[in-house]
Amino acid sequence: MGFDGVDIGLFEKRGHLQPSSELPALKRTAARLRRKLRERGLACADVFLIPGTNFEQLAPNHPTPA
């Protein structure tokens, strides 16, 4: 398709890369993802994280510190 890079999204309960399974073993899962990208000749352009299942849950920009 001619892409040089891809965005990586981690969506809890909504995708094949979920924060609850990827983040606890970050070194291992990052190495696996790096290997997959390299095999396909791609670079990681951006990583974005949606740790909750709704807009407010665990949002990093939520105004309430708790």
PDB file of N, CA and C in Angstrom:
ATOM      1  N   MET A   1       0.816  -1.191   0.000  1.00  0.00           N
ATOM      2  CA  MET A   1       0.000   0.000   0.000  1.00  0.00           C
ATOM      3  C   MET A   1       0.863   1.260   0.000  1.00  0.00           C
ATOM      4  N   GLY A   2       2.150   1.129   0.230  1.00  0.00           N
ATOM      5  CA  GLY A   2       3.035   2.274   0.156  1.00  0.00           C
ATOM      6  C   GLY A   2       3.216   3.060   1.439  1.00  0.00           C
ATOM      7  N   PHE A   3       2.793   2.520   2.574  1.00  0.00           N
ATOM      8  CA  PHE A   3       2.954   3.217   3.847  1.00  0.00           C
ATOM      9  C   PHE A   3       4.372   3.050   4.366  1.00  0.00           C
ATOM     10  N   ASP A   4       4.896   4.106   4.996  1.00  0.00           N
ATOM     11  CA  ASP A   4       6.198   4.033   5.654  1.00  0.00           C
ATOM     12  C   ASP A   4       6.052   3.799   7.149  1.00  0.00           C
ATOM     13  N   GLY A   5       4.967   4.287   7.718  1.00  0.00           N
ATOM     14  CA  GLY A   5       4.746   4.171   9.152  1.00  0.00           C
ATOM     15  C   GLY A   5       3.278   3.981   9.466  1.00  0.00           C
ATOM     16  N   VAL A   6       3.025   3.572  10.694  1.00  0.00           N
ATOM     17  CA  VAL A   6       1.652   3.330  11.145  1.00  0.00           C
ATOM     18  C   VAL A   6       1.472   3.887  12.549  1.00  0.00           C
ATOM     19  N   ASP A   7       0.241   4.218  12.882  1.00  0.00           N
ATOM     20  CA  ASP A   7      -0.115   4.586  14.247  1.00  0.00           C
ATOM     21  C   ASP A   7      -0.467   3.317  15.003  1.00  0.00           C
ATOM     22  N   ILE A   8      -0.082   3.264  16.249  1.00  0.00           N
ATOM     23  CA  ILE A   8      -0.391   2.116  17.103  1.00  0.00           C
ATOM     24  C   ILE A   8      -1.374   2.596  18.157  1.00  0.00           C
ATOM     25  N   GLY A   9      -2.534   1.974  18.212  1.00  0.00           N
ATOM     26  CA  GLY A   9      -3.543   2.318  19.204  1.00  0.00           C
ATOM     27  C   GLY A   9      -3.760   1.178  20.164  1.00  0.00           C
ATOM     28  N   LEU A  10      -3.779   1.485  21.433  1.00  0.00           N
ATOM     29  CA  LEU A  10      -4.095   0.503  22.469  1.00  0.00           C
ATOM     30  C   LEU A  10      -5.448   0.880  23.052  1.00  0.00           C
ATOM     31  N   PHE A  11      -6.459   0.081  22.747  1.00  0.00           N
ATOM     32  CA  PHE A  11      -7.830   0.352  23.174  1.00  0.00           C
ATOM     33  C   PHE A  11      -8.300  -0.789  24.075  1.00  0.00           C
ATOM     34  N   GLU A  12      -8.634  -0.468  25.305  1.00  0.00           N
ATOM     35  CA  GLU A  12      -9.093  -1.509  26.220  1.00  0.00           C
ATOM     36  C   GLU A  12     -10.422  -2.093  25.754  1.00  0.00           C
ATOM     37  N   LYS A  13     -10.445  -3.403  25.598  1.00  0.00           N
ATOM     38  CA  LYS A  13     -11.627  -4.198  25.190  1.00  0.00           C
ATOM     39  C   LYS A  13     -12.165  -3.829  23.818  1.00  0.00           C
ATOM     40  N   ARG A  14     -11.332  -3.175  22.985  1.00  0.00           N
ATOM     41  CA  ARG A  14     -11.817  -2.766  21.673  1.00  0.00           C
ATOM     42  C   ARG A  14     -10.827  -3.023  20.558  1.00  0.00           C
ATOM     43  N   GLY A  15      -9.784  -3.735  20.800  1.00  0.00           N
ATOM     44  CA  GLY A  15      -8.811  -3.978  19.750  1.00  0.00           C
ATOM     45  C   GLY A  15      -7.928  -5.151  20.094  1.00  0.00           C
ATOM     46  N   HIS A  16      -7.023  -5.466  19.202  1.00  0.00           N
ATOM     47  CA  HIS A  16      -6.152  -6.605  19.477  1.00  0.00           C
ATOM     48  C   HIS A  16      -4.953  -6.227  20.336  1.00  0.00           C
ATOM     49  N   LEU A  17      -4.675  -4.937  20.528  1.00  0.00           N
ATOM     50  CA  LEU A  17      -3.667  -4.483  21.473  1.00  0.00           C
ATOM     51  C   LEU A  17      -4.389  -3.769  22.614  1.00  0.00           C
ATOM     52  N   GLN A  18      -4.429  -4.411  23.772  1.00  0.00           N
ATOM     53  CA  GLN A  18      -5.144  -3.853  24.905  1.00  0.00           C
ATOM     54  C   GLN A  18      -4.156  -3.482  26.008  1.00  0.00           C
ATOM     55  N   PRO A  19      -4.323  -2.306  26.608  1.00  0.00           N
ATOM     56  CA  PRO A  19      -3.409  -1.879  27.657  1.00  0.00           C
ATOM     57  C   PRO A  19      -3.263  -2.889  28.790  1.00  0.00           C
ATOM     58  N   SER A  20      -4.356  -3.517  29.191  1.00  0.00           N
ATOM     59  CA  SER A  20      -4.304  -4.448  30.324  1.00  0.00           C
ATOM     60  C   SER A  20      -3.428  -5.665  30.046  1.00  0.00           C
ATOM     61  N   SER A  21      -3.247  -6.029  28.793  1.00  0.00           N
ATOM     62  CA  SER A  21      -2.395  -7.178  28.483  1.00  0.00           C
ATOM     63  C   SER A  21      -1.021  -6.772  27.960  1.00  0.00           C
ATOM     64  N   GLU A  22      -0.900  -5.602  27.366  1.00  0.00           N
ATOM     65  CA  GLU A  22       0.371  -5.170  26.791  1.00  0.00           C
ATOM     66  C   GLU A  22       1.277  -4.472  27.805  1.00  0.00           C
ATOM     67  N   LEU A  23       0.724  -3.627  28.652  1.00  0.00           N
ATOM     68  CA  LEU A  23       1.544  -2.797  29.537  1.00  0.00           C
ATOM     69  C   LEU A  23       2.226  -3.542  30.679  1.00  0.00           C
ATOM     70  N   PRO A  24       1.617  -4.579  31.275  1.00  0.00           N
ATOM     71  CA  PRO A  24       2.307  -5.268  32.371  1.00  0.00           C
ATOM     72  C   PRO A  24       3.646  -5.899  31.965  1.00  0.00           C
ATOM     73  N   ALA A  25       3.791  -6.286  30.730  1.00  0.00           N
ATOM     74  CA  ALA A  25       5.045  -6.881  30.232  1.00  0.00           C
ATOM     75  C   ALA A  25       5.581  -6.011  29.104  1.00  0.00           C
ATOM     76  N   LEU A  26       5.740  -4.733  29.377  1.00  0.00           N
ATOM     77  CA  LEU A  26       6.015  -3.749  28.334  1.00  0.00           C
ATOM     78  C   LEU A  26       7.271  -4.054  27.521  1.00  0.00           C
ATOM     79  N   LYS A  27       8.356  -4.448  28.158  1.00  0.00           N
ATOM     80  CA  LYS A  27       9.579  -4.731  27.394  1.00  0.00           C
ATOM     81  C   LYS A  27       9.360  -5.858  26.385  1.00  0.00           C
ATOM     82  N   ARG A  28       8.702  -6.905  26.823  1.00  0.00           N
ATOM     83  CA  ARG A  28       8.459  -8.053  25.937  1.00  0.00           C
ATOM     84  C   ARG A  28       7.497  -7.694  24.809  1.00  0.00           C
ATOM     85  N   THR A  29       6.398  -7.026  25.142  1.00  0.00           N
ATOM     86  CA  THR A  29       5.411  -6.711  24.112  1.00  0.00           C
ATOM     87  C   THR A  29       5.933  -5.635  23.154  1.00  0.00           C
ATOM     88  N   ALA A  30       6.734  -4.688  23.668  1.00  0.00           N
ATOM     89  CA  ALA A  30       7.331  -3.679  22.783  1.00  0.00           C
ATOM     90  C   ALA A  30       8.316  -4.326  21.817  1.00  0.00           C
ATOM     91  N   ALA A  31       9.096  -5.283  22.302  1.00  0.00           N
ATOM     92  CA  ALA A  31      10.054  -5.981  21.431  1.00  0.00           C
ATOM     93  C   ALA A  31       9.315  -6.762  20.346  1.00  0.00           C
ATOM     94  N   ARG A  32       8.212  -7.382  20.709  1.00  0.00           N
ATOM     95  CA  ARG A  32       7.418  -8.138  19.726  1.00  0.00           C
ATOM     96  C   ARG A  32       6.844  -7.197  18.663  1.00  0.00           C
ATOM     97  N   LEU A  33       6.317  -6.060  19.092  1.00  0.00           N
ATOM     98  CA  LEU A  33       5.763  -5.095  18.149  1.00  0.00           C
ATOM     99  C   LEU A  33       6.863  -4.517  17.256  1.00  0.00           C
ATOM    100  N   ARG A  34       8.008  -4.195  17.842  1.00  0.00           N
ATOM    101  CA  ARG A  34       9.135  -3.677  17.058  1.00  0.00           C
ATOM    102  C   ARG A  34       9.549  -4.675  15.983  1.00  0.00           C
ATOM    103  N   ARG A  35       9.592  -5.940  16.339  1.00  0.00           N
ATOM    104  CA  ARG A  35       9.953  -6.996  15.397  1.00  0.00           C
ATOM    105  C   ARG A  35       8.934  -7.090  14.260  1.00  0.00           C
ATOM    106  N   LYS A  36       7.652  -7.038  14.591  1.00  0.00           N
ATOM    107  CA  LYS A  36       6.608  -7.110  13.564  1.00  0.00           C
ATOM    108  C   LYS A  36       6.688  -5.920  12.607  1.00  0.00           C
ATOM    109  N   LEU A  37       6.924  -4.736  13.154  1.00  0.00           N
ATOM    110  CA  LEU A  37       7.047  -3.555  12.299  1.00  0.00           C
ATOM    111  C   LEU A  37       8.254  -3.688  11.369  1.00  0.00           C
ATOM    112  N   ARG A  38       9.387  -4.104  11.929  1.00  0.00           N
ATOM    113  CA  ARG A  38      10.609  -4.242  11.138  1.00  0.00           C
ATOM    114  C   ARG A  38      10.416  -5.259  10.018  1.00  0.00           C
ATOM    115  N   GLU A  39       9.761  -6.388  10.305  1.00  0.00           N
ATOM    116  CA  GLU A  39       9.523  -7.427   9.295  1.00  0.00           C
ATOM    117  C   GLU A  39       8.689  -6.897   8.132  1.00  0.00           C
ATOM    118  N   ARG A  40       7.873  -5.907   8.408  1.00  0.00           N
ATOM    119  CA  ARG A  40       6.996  -5.352   7.375  1.00  0.00           C
ATOM    120  C   ARG A  40       7.540  -4.060   6.774  1.00  0.00           C
ATOM    121  N   GLY A  41       8.722  -3.666   7.205  1.00  0.00           N
ATOM    122  CA  GLY A  41       9.335  -2.458   6.680  1.00  0.00           C
ATOM    123  C   GLY A  41       8.620  -1.182   7.101  1.00  0.00           C
ATOM    124  N   LEU A  42       8.041  -1.196   8.289  1.00  0.00           N
ATOM    125  CA  LEU A  42       7.276  -0.056   8.780  1.00  0.00           C
ATOM    126  C   LEU A  42       7.934   0.568  10.006  1.00  0.00           C
ATOM    127  N   ALA A  43       7.630   1.830  10.214  1.00  0.00           N
ATOM    128  CA  ALA A  43       8.043   2.534  11.422  1.00  0.00           C
ATOM    129  C   ALA A  43       6.792   2.883  12.220  1.00  0.00           C
ATOM    130  N   CYS A  44       6.963   3.015  13.506  1.00  0.00           N
ATOM    131  CA  CYS A  44       5.869   3.463  14.366  1.00  0.00           C
ATOM    132  C   CYS A  44       5.808   4.981  14.273  1.00  0.00           C
ATOM    133  N   ALA A  45       4.706   5.520  13.775  1.00  0.00           N
ATOM    134  CA  ALA A  45       4.545   6.963  13.624  1.00  0.00           C
ATOM    135  C   ALA A  45       4.011   7.598  14.906  1.00  0.00           C
ATOM    136  N   ASP A  46       3.147   6.886  15.619  1.00  0.00           N
ATOM    137  CA  ASP A  46       2.527   7.436  16.815  1.00  0.00           C
ATOM    138  C   ASP A  46       1.956   6.287  17.631  1.00  0.00           C
ATOM    139  N   VAL A  47       1.871   6.489  18.934  1.00  0.00           N
ATOM    140  CA  VAL A  47       1.218   5.528  19.829  1.00  0.00           C
ATOM    141  C   VAL A  47       0.194   6.309  20.634  1.00  0.00           C
ATOM    142  N   PHE A  48      -1.027   5.790  20.661  1.00  0.00           N
ATOM    143  CA  PHE A  48      -2.040   6.442  21.477  1.00  0.00           C
ATOM    144  C   PHE A  48      -2.736   5.411  22.325  1.00  0.00           C
ATOM    145  N   LEU A  49      -3.129   5.840  23.523  1.00  0.00           N
ATOM    146  CA  LEU A  49      -3.615   4.949  24.566  1.00  0.00           C
ATOM    147  C   LEU A  49      -5.014   5.357  24.991  1.00  0.00           C
ATOM    148  N   ILE A  50      -5.929   4.405  24.969  1.00  0.00           N
ATOM    149  CA  ILE A  50      -7.278   4.571  25.511  1.00  0.00           C
ATOM    150  C   ILE A  50      -7.438   3.463  26.546  1.00  0.00           C
ATOM    151  N   PRO A  51      -7.086   3.742  27.830  1.00  0.00           N
ATOM    152  CA  PRO A  51      -7.050   2.680  28.824  1.00  0.00           C
ATOM    153  C   PRO A  51      -8.403   2.252  29.364  1.00  0.00           C
ATOM    154  N   GLY A  52      -9.448   3.051  29.191  1.00  0.00           N
ATOM    155  CA  GLY A  52     -10.763   2.711  29.715  1.00  0.00           C
ATOM    156  C   GLY A  52     -11.724   2.327  28.610  1.00  0.00           C
ATOM    157  N   THR A  53     -12.940   2.028  29.018  1.00  0.00           N
ATOM    158  CA  THR A  53     -13.951   1.627  28.044  1.00  0.00           C
ATOM    159  C   THR A  53     -14.977   2.727  27.782  1.00  0.00           C
ATOM    160  N   ASN A  54     -14.774   3.889  28.400  1.00  0.00           N
ATOM    161  CA  ASN A  54     -15.608   5.043  28.080  1.00  0.00           C
ATOM    162  C   ASN A  54     -14.717   6.286  28.093  1.00  0.00           C
ATOM    163  N   PHE A  55     -15.253   7.424  27.710  1.00  0.00           N
ATOM    164  CA  PHE A  55     -14.433   8.624  27.551  1.00  0.00           C
ATOM    165  C   PHE A  55     -13.826   9.120  28.863  1.00  0.00           C
ATOM    166  N   GLU A  56     -14.497   8.917  29.977  1.00  0.00           N
ATOM    167  CA  GLU A  56     -14.004   9.443  31.245  1.00  0.00           C
ATOM    168  C   GLU A  56     -13.071   8.485  31.981  1.00  0.00           C
ATOM    169  N   GLN A  57     -13.302   7.209  31.852  1.00  0.00           N
ATOM    170  CA  GLN A  57     -12.577   6.214  32.642  1.00  0.00           C
ATOM    171  C   GLN A  57     -11.088   6.219  32.309  1.00  0.00           C
ATOM    172  N   LEU A  58     -10.288   6.524  33.300  1.00  0.00           N
ATOM    173  CA  LEU A  58      -8.834   6.493  33.198  1.00  0.00           C
ATOM    174  C   LEU A  58      -8.252   7.408  32.120  1.00  0.00           C
ATOM    175  N   ALA A  59      -8.982   8.434  31.722  1.00  0.00           N
ATOM    176  CA  ALA A  59      -8.479   9.359  30.719  1.00  0.00           C
ATOM    177  C   ALA A  59      -7.299  10.141  31.296  1.00  0.00           C
ATOM    178  N   PRO A  60      -6.173  10.199  30.606  1.00  0.00           N
ATOM    179  CA  PRO A  60      -5.016  10.897  31.145  1.00  0.00           C
ATOM    180  C   PRO A  60      -5.239  12.399  31.301  1.00  0.00           C
ATOM    181  N   ASN A  61      -6.216  12.948  30.616  1.00  0.00           N
ATOM    182  CA  ASN A  61      -6.506  14.382  30.729  1.00  0.00           C
ATOM    183  C   ASN A  61      -7.756  14.681  31.548  1.00  0.00           C
ATOM    184  N   HIS A  62      -8.234  13.699  32.302  1.00  0.00           N
ATOM    185  CA  HIS A  62      -9.427  13.903  33.126  1.00  0.00           C
ATOM    186  C   HIS A  62      -9.111  14.939  34.209  1.00  0.00           C
ATOM    187  N   PRO A  63      -9.991  15.939  34.427  1.00  0.00           N
ATOM    188  CA  PRO A  63      -9.690  17.011  35.377  1.00  0.00           C
ATOM    189  C   PRO A  63      -9.648  16.584  36.848  1.00  0.00           C
ATOM    190  N   THR A  64     -10.235  15.455  37.200  1.00  0.00           N
ATOM    191  CA  THR A  64     -10.234  15.000  38.591  1.00  0.00           C
ATOM    192  C   THR A  64      -8.982  14.175  38.841  1.00  0.00           C
ATOM    193  N   PRO A  65      -8.128  14.562  39.787  1.00  0.00           N
ATOM    194  CA  PRO A  65      -6.881  13.830  40.045  1.00  0.00           C
ATOM    195  C   PRO A  65      -7.101  12.346  40.364  1.00  0.00           C
ATOM    196  N   ALA A  66      -8.189  12.000  41.031  1.00  0.00           N
ATOM    197  CA  ALA A  66      -8.438  10.599  41.371  1.00  0.00           C
ATOM    198  C   ALA A  66      -8.700   9.777  40.135  1.00  0.00           C
TER     199      ALA A  66
END
